[in-house]
Amino acid sequence: MVGTGRKRSIAFFIALGAGVISVVILLYVGWVLLNWRTGILLFLGVLLMLAIIAGVVLNTLFLVREIHRNEQHDAFINAVTHELKTPVASIRLYLETLQTHAVEETKRQEFYRIMLHDSDRLLSTIEQVLRTGRVGPSRRKLNISPIDLGALIDGCIDRAGKLYGVPAEGLRYEGDGRGRPLTILGDFDEIQAAVSNLIDNAVKYSGRNVDVTVRTTPAEDGYVTVRVTDRGPGIPPNELKRIFKRFYRVPGQLAVRVKGTGLGLYIVRAVARRHGGRAWAESEGLGRGSTFVLQFPVAQGGAGTAQ
């Protein structure tokens, strides 16, 4: 109901703007026909008409943009609320069970495992929101140090495999370091967050049959490229650039089933830009899977410098 109301609001403002512009044009056309000899007044009248039309168009565009922005904020609040409330409710339920019932040791250990998993999910959501502020306009200073990108990716894959229960054959790393470590200069926490977000997204959108590959390639222009490829639902061509916007999620039933805050890819691109790199997405269309690409400058003179 809320979405329908907002669509009606957008249609109303567009119709109102078009109607006002039409009335203005009719009035001035009539005025010109009746006063065609008064050249100066005609010129001033045309300027006034253009100014009014421009004002109406800008006002309509502003209102429509604000409506879309409010929709994104509402979706973000709902997503964050769900991502925070669900693991808290789960942890509380298991704690109450342990407190009020005698539980076998094997079951108790299973409860502990689930609560730790929910705690990790809760902390991940909180860190996602906090990191958005750190990479935004009031971003903190980078803590630059040499990073072994291959080792970092191995750690991210190991974490994702344990978090989502993905077998080794479903989530693998195929490095191409030409027999040497790929070394970049960057903030370890931010690079780790960017790579983890891409791997997490690939796993979550793959559904039950996870088949995710991470590849690294030293580029010829002094950049190392990280490619995260999945065999998920794919991305429509017109959405490839929008998905990196803050709070934005690809519309459709899949976005409803796969929960998230709409911040992950925004953080990925922000981190890449902060380190002098790039981030983009590739997909042949719906049902064809997708590839997310990260590029970072390699450490000059380091072991990972491309030949």
Foldseek 3Di string as FASTA:
>chain_A
DVVVVLVVVLVVLVVVLVVVLVVLVVVLVVVCVVPVPPVVVNVVSVVVSVVVNVVSVVVSVVVNVVSVVVVLVVLLVVLLCCLQPVLVVLLVVLVVCVVPDDDDPVVNVVSVVSNVLSVVSNVLSVVLVVLLVQLDPVHDDWDKDKDQVVVLLVVLQVVLCVSVVNDDQLEDEDEDLVPWTFIAITRSVLVSLLSNLLQNVQQLQQPPRRHWYWYWDADPVQKIKIKIWTQGFWDAPVCFVVLLDASDDDDDPSPVVRGDNSRNSVSNQSRLVVQVWGKTKDTPHTRRTIMIMIMHGTDVVDRRGDD
